[in-house]
């Protein structure tokens, strides 16, 4: 017999350091574009005739090896798991709902400050980061994903009531859950005032530059930081942290052409230069930087340690991110010289997040988001 496990249980097994092999049954295109780190591709469909000798030759796996099977939806991988169990493989598990479920796995990471507590929600398969910020029994949520229950659970953990919901910008890589969450709990939903120029068609509270929202006595200040998008806002939390969205990450910068277009990426890059040098880098070195994403490569590898804070400081960025020392011309040229692969379905995702398009079903929402985020610029190391 084989075992069926949830995506969260699979995550937990990885966390223990258990030695297991992931067998991915998907085709070449899907496997090459997004997979579990160190997984082995073995193309298989339920109607295929299983060949044990072929399986051994391609994977090198024997009946006593721990195996987890994975596919897009959990169907082909379940059939393969059954075939392996029939052939005497004793330690086989299948991840229920496959990569679709893996896309929705989160780690909740608590970060303590003097005046408030942050829970950073790490969506490990996509590299999305969202936040719950709690002070004196009240909480703000920033950059919620469509899995709003995760954010409500995090607020409950902090024994805090969500009283405000914010987005840093109109996202291109995933469907925002900000409006949905705000409606669920009857809280105000905030975007930067520049969102009006993105054609946002739904109601929201528009935040002007340096406007402050108080949550549990904690001041959350909107800083205009356009570049990745024209309406991008970073949020300064008290005097200790700043949530930068896709403006700057712990080791890279936001790409600048998803809104402006490939032919005009320099417009966004020029705006980003101003946002960094006139706004974010003007903050004290001690201010903690909490970004909107971390990097996940197509092969599933990442530069972060899941379950540990993804953060840095203004000071560390100032001394460690070489491009911040460049003059404007060099900065713009470096940021636009090479345009990375675009997020899948990004135009439709932008349409949904601006209210111009609708999501027909939860299943469609899952399909639109599959794959890692691709929000960082590609800058040559030299």
Protein backbone atom coordinates (compact mmCIF):
# COMPACT_ATOMS: atom_id res chain seq x y z
CA UNK A 1 0.00 0.00 0.00
CA UNK A 2 1.04 3.58 -0.59
CA UNK A 3 0.36 6.54 1.67
CA UNK A 4 -1.49 9.74 0.74
CA UNK A 5 -0.09 12.85 2.39
CA UNK A 6 -1.02 16.54 2.27
CA UNK A 7 1.33 19.15 0.86
CA UNK A 8 1.89 20.39 4.42
CA UNK A 9 2.84 16.90 5.58
CA UNK A 10 5.27 16.68 2.68
CA UNK A 11 6.75 20.03 3.76
CA UNK A 12 7.14 18.70 7.30
CA UNK A 13 8.94 15.58 6.08
CA UNK A 14 11.37 17.75 4.12
CA UNK A 15 11.96 19.85 7.23
CA UNK A 16 13.04 16.84 9.28
CA UNK A 17 15.81 16.15 6.79
CA UNK A 18 14.33 12.79 5.86
CA UNK A 19 16.12 11.24 2.91
CA UNK A 20 13.45 10.77 0.27
CA UNK A 21 13.27 11.00 -3.50
CA UNK A 22 10.56 12.99 -5.25
CA UNK A 23 9.41 11.47 -8.53
CA UNK A 24 7.67 14.02 -10.77
CA UNK A 25 5.45 12.49 -13.46
CA UNK A 26 4.81 15.68 -15.46
CA UNK A 27 6.02 16.36 -18.99
CA UNK A 28 9.16 18.24 -19.96
CA UNK A 29 7.71 21.75 -20.22
CA UNK A 30 5.99 21.68 -16.84
CA UNK A 31 8.92 20.00 -15.12
CA UNK A 32 11.53 22.38 -16.53
CA UNK A 33 9.55 25.50 -15.66
CA UNK A 34 8.77 24.65 -12.01
CA UNK A 35 9.50 21.69 -9.76
CA UNK A 36 10.53 20.52 -6.31
CA UNK A 37 14.25 20.89 -5.68
CA UNK A 38 16.23 17.70 -6.43
CA UNK A 39 13.18 15.90 -7.86
CA UNK A 40 13.57 13.31 -10.62
CA UNK A 41 11.37 13.40 -13.69
CA UNK A 42 9.70 10.14 -14.69
CA UNK A 43 7.00 10.88 -17.25
CA UNK A 44 3.91 8.85 -16.52
CA UNK A 45 0.17 8.96 -17.21
CA UNK A 46 -2.59 6.76 -15.71
CA UNK A 47 -3.19 5.01 -19.02
CA UNK A 48 0.47 4.06 -19.44
CA UNK A 49 1.57 0.47 -18.96
CA UNK A 50 3.99 0.52 -16.04
CA UNK A 51 7.41 -1.00 -16.76
CA UNK A 52 9.35 -1.74 -13.57
CA UNK A 53 12.65 -2.29 -15.36
CA UNK A 54 12.29 1.05 -17.14
CA UNK A 55 11.46 2.80 -13.86
CA UNK A 56 14.55 1.37 -12.17
CA UNK A 57 16.75 2.25 -15.11
CA UNK A 58 15.56 5.87 -15.19
CA UNK A 59 15.44 6.54 -11.46
CA UNK A 60 17.85 4.07 -9.89
CA UNK A 61 15.34 3.46 -7.08
CA UNK A 62 14.91 0.16 -5.32
CA UNK A 63 11.90 -1.18 -3.33
CA UNK A 64 13.29 -0.05 0.05
CA UNK A 65 13.93 3.56 -1.03
CA UNK A 66 11.59 6.24 0.41
CA UNK A 67 9.68 7.79 -2.51
CA UNK A 68 7.19 10.65 -2.85
CA UNK A 69 5.32 10.91 -6.15
CA UNK A 70 4.24 14.28 -7.51
CA UNK A 71 2.28 15.52 -10.52
CA UNK A 72 0.13 18.52 -11.43
CA UNK A 73 -3.14 17.46 -9.77
CA UNK A 74 -2.32 14.26 -7.88
CA UNK A 75 -3.89 11.83 -10.37
CA UNK A 76 -0.96 10.46 -12.36
CA UNK A 77 1.22 10.43 -9.25
CA UNK A 78 -1.40 8.45 -7.35
CA UNK A 79 -1.59 5.87 -10.11
CA UNK A 80 2.20 5.57 -10.19
CA UNK A 81 2.29 5.18 -6.40
CA UNK A 82 -0.20 2.31 -6.67
CA UNK A 83 1.89 0.64 -9.38
CA UNK A 84 5.02 0.94 -7.25
CA UNK A 85 3.26 -0.47 -4.21
CA UNK A 86 2.08 -3.43 -6.30
CA UNK A 87 5.68 -4.05 -7.33
CA UNK A 88 6.82 -4.27 -3.72
CA UNK A 89 7.96 -0.71 -3.04
CA UNK A 90 7.35 -0.38 0.67
CA UNK A 91 7.75 3.33 1.40
CA UNK A 92 5.79 5.29 -1.19
CA UNK A 93 3.69 8.40 -0.58
CA UNK A 94 1.72 10.57 -2.98
CA UNK A 95 1.11 14.28 -2.39
CA UNK A 96 -2.61 14.91 -2.53
CA UNK A 97 -3.51 17.40 -5.30
CA UNK A 98 0.11 17.56 -6.43
CA UNK A 99 1.82 20.81 -7.40
CA UNK A 100 -1.46 22.68 -7.12
CA UNK A 101 -1.44 21.97 -3.39
CA UNK A 102 2.30 22.63 -3.07
CA UNK A 103 1.70 26.12 -4.46
CA UNK A 104 -0.41 26.93 -1.39
CA UNK A 105 1.97 25.84 1.39
CA UNK A 106 2.99 28.55 3.87
CA UNK A 107 5.48 28.95 6.68
CA UNK A 108 4.52 31.41 9.44
CA UNK A 109 7.61 33.17 10.82
CA UNK A 110 7.37 35.46 13.84
CA UNK A 111 9.62 38.53 14.07
CA UNK A 112 9.64 40.60 17.26
CA UNK A 113 10.21 44.35 17.37
CA UNK A 114 10.13 46.77 20.30
CA UNK A 115 6.67 48.14 19.53
CA UNK A 116 5.01 45.40 17.49
CA UNK A 117 5.14 41.82 16.26
CA UNK A 118 5.24 40.67 12.64
CA UNK A 119 4.29 37.31 11.26
CA UNK A 120 5.89 36.86 7.85
CA UNK A 121 3.92 34.41 5.73
CA UNK A 122 6.28 32.66 3.36
CA UNK A 123 4.68 30.94 0.40
CA UNK A 124 7.58 28.63 -0.17
CA UNK A 125 6.82 27.28 -3.66
CA UNK A 126 6.25 30.74 -5.20
CA UNK A 127 8.42 32.95 -3.04
CA UNK A 128 5.57 35.32 -2.12
CA UNK A 129 5.80 37.10 1.24
CA UNK A 130 2.81 38.56 3.08
CA UNK A 131 2.60 40.11 6.52
CA UNK A 132 0.49 40.38 9.63
CA UNK A 133 1.58 43.24 11.91
CA UNK A 134 0.13 43.32 15.43
CA UNK A 135 0.16 45.98 18.11
CA UNK A 136 -2.00 46.33 21.22
CA UNK A 137 -4.63 43.81 20.12
CA UNK A 138 -5.04 45.14 16.58
CA UNK A 139 -3.46 43.91 13.35
CA UNK A 140 -2.77 45.08 9.83
CA UNK A 141 -2.34 42.72 6.88
CA UNK A 142 -0.06 43.71 4.02
CA UNK A 143 0.12 41.89 0.67
CA UNK A 144 -2.30 39.08 1.45
CA UNK A 145 -2.50 36.29 -1.11
CA UNK A 146 -5.70 34.57 -2.18
CA UNK A 147 -5.30 32.16 0.76
CA UNK A 148 -6.82 34.60 3.22
CA UNK A 149 -7.39 31.97 5.91
CA UNK A 150 -3.61 31.85 6.43
CA UNK A 151 -3.60 35.54 7.36
CA UNK A 152 -6.60 35.28 9.63
CA UNK A 153 -4.96 32.33 11.38
CA UNK A 154 -1.77 34.35 11.87
CA UNK A 155 -3.71 37.24 13.41
CA UNK A 156 -5.49 34.80 15.72
CA UNK A 157 -2.11 33.46 16.81
CA UNK A 158 -1.23 36.99 17.91
CA UNK A 159 -4.63 37.39 19.61
CA UNK A 160 -5.25 40.42 17.43
CA UNK A 161 -8.18 41.70 15.36
CA UNK A 162 -7.42 42.65 11.75
CA UNK A 163 -8.56 46.26 11.38
CA UNK A 164 -6.79 47.28 8.13
CA UNK A 165 -5.69 45.55 4.92
CA UNK A 166 -3.04 46.98 2.56
CA UNK A 167 -1.46 46.09 -0.77
CA UNK A 168 1.85 47.53 -1.86
CA UNK A 169 0.82 47.52 -5.52
CA UNK A 170 -1.19 45.80 -8.25
CA UNK A 171 0.59 42.45 -8.29
CA UNK A 172 1.55 40.67 -11.51
CA UNK A 173 2.66 37.24 -10.26
CA UNK A 174 -0.20 36.20 -7.97
CA UNK A 175 -3.81 37.03 -7.24
CA UNK A 176 -4.11 39.41 -4.32
CA UNK A 177 -6.36 38.42 -1.44
CA UNK A 178 -6.45 41.95 -0.05
CA UNK A 179 -9.92 42.94 -1.22
CA UNK A 180 -11.31 39.52 -0.37
CA UNK A 181 -9.89 39.61 3.15
CA UNK A 182 -11.08 43.17 3.76
CA UNK A 183 -14.59 42.17 2.67
CA UNK A 184 -14.56 39.05 4.86
CA UNK A 185 -13.81 41.04 8.01
CA UNK A 186 -15.38 44.39 7.02
CA UNK A 187 -12.09 46.30 7.24
CA UNK A 188 -10.79 49.14 5.05
CA UNK A 189 -8.61 48.20 2.10
CA UNK A 190 -5.72 50.51 1.20
CA UNK A 191 -3.70 51.13 -1.96
CA UNK A 192 -1.42 53.96 -2.94
CA UNK A 193 -3.13 56.99 -4.49
CA UNK A 194 -1.37 56.25 -7.77
CA UNK A 195 -3.53 53.16 -8.25
CA UNK A 196 -6.11 55.36 -9.98
CA UNK A 197 -3.74 55.57 -12.94
CA UNK A 198 -3.58 51.76 -13.17
CA UNK A 199 -7.29 51.61 -14.00
CA UNK A 200 -8.23 50.06 -10.66
CA UNK A 201 -12.00 49.77 -10.87
CA UNK A 202 -13.03 48.77 -7.33
CA UNK A 203 -13.40 50.82 -4.17
CA UNK A 204 -10.34 51.32 -1.97
CA UNK A 205 -8.89 53.84 0.44
CA UNK A 206 -6.24 55.85 -1.44
CA UNK A 207 -3.09 56.66 0.53
CA UNK A 208 -1.20 59.81 -0.39
CA UNK A 209 2.56 60.10 0.07
CA UNK A 210 3.51 60.03 3.77
CA UNK A 211 -0.09 59.49 4.88
CA UNK A 212 -0.32 57.53 8.13
CA UNK A 213 -2.77 54.83 9.26
CA UNK A 214 -2.84 53.97 12.96
CA UNK A 215 -3.25 50.33 13.97
CA UNK A 216 -3.22 49.60 17.69
CA UNK A 217 -1.44 52.89 18.24
CA UNK A 218 1.25 51.90 15.73
CA UNK A 219 1.86 54.29 12.84
CA UNK A 220 1.99 52.78 9.35
CA UNK A 221 3.25 55.40 6.87
CA UNK A 222 2.82 55.13 3.10
CA UNK A 223 6.05 55.87 1.21
CA UNK A 224 5.74 56.39 -2.53
CA UNK A 225 8.34 54.11 -4.15
CA UNK A 226 7.42 53.76 -7.85
CA UNK A 227 9.61 51.79 -10.23
CA UNK A 228 8.42 48.20 -10.28
CA UNK A 229 5.02 49.79 -10.89
CA UNK A 230 3.91 53.41 -11.01
CA UNK A 231 1.72 53.14 -7.89
CA UNK A 232 4.12 51.11 -5.71
CA UNK A 233 3.98 51.99 -2.02
CA UNK A 234 6.32 50.85 0.73
CA UNK A 235 5.05 50.91 4.30
CA UNK A 236 7.17 52.28 7.15
CA UNK A 237 6.13 50.53 10.35
CA UNK A 238 6.82 52.76 13.33
CA UNK A 239 10.55 53.53 13.30
CA UNK A 240 11.78 49.96 13.06
CA UNK A 241 10.78 48.31 9.77
CA UNK A 242 9.78 49.03 6.21
CA UNK A 243 7.81 46.69 3.94
CA UNK A 244 9.18 47.31 0.47
CA UNK A 245 6.91 45.20 -1.73
CA UNK A 246 8.71 44.62 -5.03
CA UNK A 247 10.87 47.74 -4.83
CA UNK A 248 13.88 46.07 -3.25
CA UNK A 249 14.50 42.54 -1.98
CA UNK A 250 17.16 41.16 0.35
CA UNK A 251 19.59 40.58 -2.52
CA UNK A 252 18.09 42.16 -5.65
CA UNK A 253 15.79 44.81 -7.08
CA UNK A 254 12.33 44.72 -8.61
CA UNK A 255 12.06 44.44 -12.38
CA UNK A 256 10.63 47.50 -14.11
CA UNK A 257 8.95 46.50 -17.37
CA UNK A 258 5.91 44.41 -16.42
CA UNK A 259 3.73 47.53 -16.31
CA UNK A 260 5.70 49.82 -18.58
CA UNK A 261 6.46 47.28 -21.32
CA UNK A 262 9.71 45.84 -22.65
CA UNK A 263 10.36 48.87 -24.83
CA UNK A 264 10.02 51.30 -21.95
CA UNK A 265 11.61 49.47 -19.03
CA UNK A 266 13.88 52.50 -18.61
CA UNK A 267 10.90 54.56 -17.42
CA UNK A 268 10.41 52.24 -14.45
CA UNK A 269 14.16 51.96 -13.84
CA UNK A 270 14.50 55.73 -13.67
CA UNK A 271 11.62 55.90 -11.19
CA UNK A 272 13.16 53.10 -9.14
CA UNK A 273 16.47 54.95 -8.92
CA UNK A 274 14.64 57.95 -7.45
CA UNK A 275 12.61 55.79 -5.05
CA UNK A 276 15.70 54.09 -3.71
CA UNK A 277 17.96 57.09 -3.29
CA UNK A 278 15.43 59.74 -2.29
CA UNK A 279 13.13 57.61 -0.14
CA UNK A 280 14.23 54.17 1.06
CA UNK A 281 17.96 54.78 1.39
CA UNK A 282 17.14 57.98 3.28
CA UNK A 283 15.92 55.83 6.19
CA UNK A 284 18.34 55.02 9.03
CA UNK A 285 20.67 52.05 8.56
CA UNK A 286 19.00 50.23 11.46
CA UNK A 287 15.58 50.03 9.79
CA UNK A 288 14.66 46.42 9.02
CA UNK A 289 13.67 45.69 5.40
CA UNK A 290 10.86 43.19 4.82
CA UNK A 291 10.42 42.53 1.08
CA UNK A 292 7.47 41.24 -0.93
CA UNK A 293 9.24 38.21 -2.40
CA UNK A 294 12.22 35.94 -2.21
CA UNK A 295 13.79 34.11 -5.13
CA UNK A 296 12.72 30.61 -6.16
CA UNK A 297 14.40 29.19 -9.26
CA UNK A 298 12.60 27.01 -11.78
CA UNK A 299 14.41 24.00 -10.34
CA UNK A 300 12.92 24.69 -6.90
CA UNK A 301 16.13 25.93 -5.28
CA UNK A 302 16.15 29.12 -3.25
CA UNK A 303 18.64 31.36 -1.51
CA UNK A 304 16.64 31.54 1.74
CA UNK A 305 16.09 29.08 4.56
CA UNK A 306 12.34 28.38 4.75
CA UNK A 307 10.98 29.06 8.20
CA UNK A 308 13.60 31.70 9.02
CA UNK A 309 12.98 35.46 8.54
CA UNK A 310 13.55 36.85 5.07
CA UNK A 311 14.84 40.29 5.93
CA UNK A 312 17.80 42.65 5.88
CA UNK A 313 18.48 46.25 6.89
CA UNK A 314 18.86 49.53 5.07
CA UNK A 315 22.50 49.56 6.17
CA UNK A 316 23.23 46.09 4.83
CA UNK A 317 21.60 46.91 1.51
CA UNK A 318 23.52 50.17 1.30
CA UNK A 319 26.86 48.37 1.66
CA UNK A 320 26.01 45.01 0.12
CA UNK A 321 23.97 45.72 -3.02
CA UNK A 322 26.55 46.99 -5.49
CA UNK A 323 24.09 48.57 -7.91
CA UNK A 324 23.01 51.07 -5.25
CA UNK A 325 26.44 52.72 -5.64
CA UNK A 326 25.99 53.22 -9.39
CA UNK A 327 25.14 56.56 -10.99
CA UNK A 328 21.71 56.92 -12.59
CA UNK A 329 22.79 56.07 -16.14
CA UNK A 330 24.67 52.94 -15.08
CA UNK A 331 21.83 51.89 -12.80
CA UNK A 332 19.17 52.19 -15.52
CA UNK A 333 21.34 50.44 -18.09
CA UNK A 334 22.15 47.52 -15.78
CA UNK A 335 18.56 47.07 -14.70
CA UNK A 336 17.19 46.94 -18.25
CA UNK A 337 19.98 45.19 -20.15
CA UNK A 338 18.46 41.76 -19.67
CA UNK A 339 14.74 41.21 -19.15
CA UNK A 340 13.89 37.99 -17.28
CA UNK A 341 11.18 35.52 -18.15
CA UNK A 342 7.79 36.95 -17.32
CA UNK A 343 5.47 35.47 -14.70
CA UNK A 344 2.94 33.08 -16.25
CA UNK A 345 -0.38 34.71 -17.17
CA UNK A 346 0.86 38.03 -15.79
CA UNK A 347 -1.38 40.21 -17.95
CA UNK A 348 -4.49 38.33 -16.84
CA UNK A 349 -3.34 38.42 -13.21
CA UNK A 350 -2.87 42.19 -13.45
CA UNK A 351 -6.35 42.45 -14.96
CA UNK A 352 -7.82 40.52 -12.04
CA UNK A 353 -5.92 42.52 -9.43
CA UNK A 354 -7.01 45.81 -10.99
CA UNK A 355 -10.65 44.71 -11.18
CA UNK A 356 -10.75 44.64 -14.99
CA UNK A 357 -11.18 40.86 -15.12
CA UNK A 358 -12.76 38.29 -12.84
CA UNK A 359 -11.77 34.84 -11.63
CA UNK A 360 -14.32 32.25 -12.68
CA UNK A 361 -13.44 29.66 -10.04
CA UNK A 362 -10.95 28.72 -7.33
CA UNK A 363 -9.52 26.22 -9.79
CA UNK A 364 -8.83 28.95 -12.35
CA UNK A 365 -7.13 31.04 -9.67
CA UNK A 366 -4.84 28.14 -8.82
CA UNK A 367 -3.99 27.53 -12.48
CA UNK A 368 -3.20 31.20 -13.15
CA UNK A 369 -0.66 31.33 -10.34
CA UNK A 370 1.25 28.10 -10.87
CA UNK A 371 5.01 28.59 -10.97
CA UNK A 372 7.54 30.70 -9.07
CA UNK A 373 7.34 34.48 -8.91
CA UNK A 374 9.54 36.31 -11.41
CA UNK A 375 9.50 39.80 -9.96
CA UNK A 376 13.23 40.47 -9.61
CA UNK A 377 15.41 42.09 -12.23
CA UNK A 378 18.31 40.11 -13.68
CA UNK A 379 21.53 42.03 -13.25
CA UNK A 380 24.91 40.68 -14.32
CA UNK A 381 27.24 40.01 -11.40
CA UNK A 382 30.01 42.01 -13.06
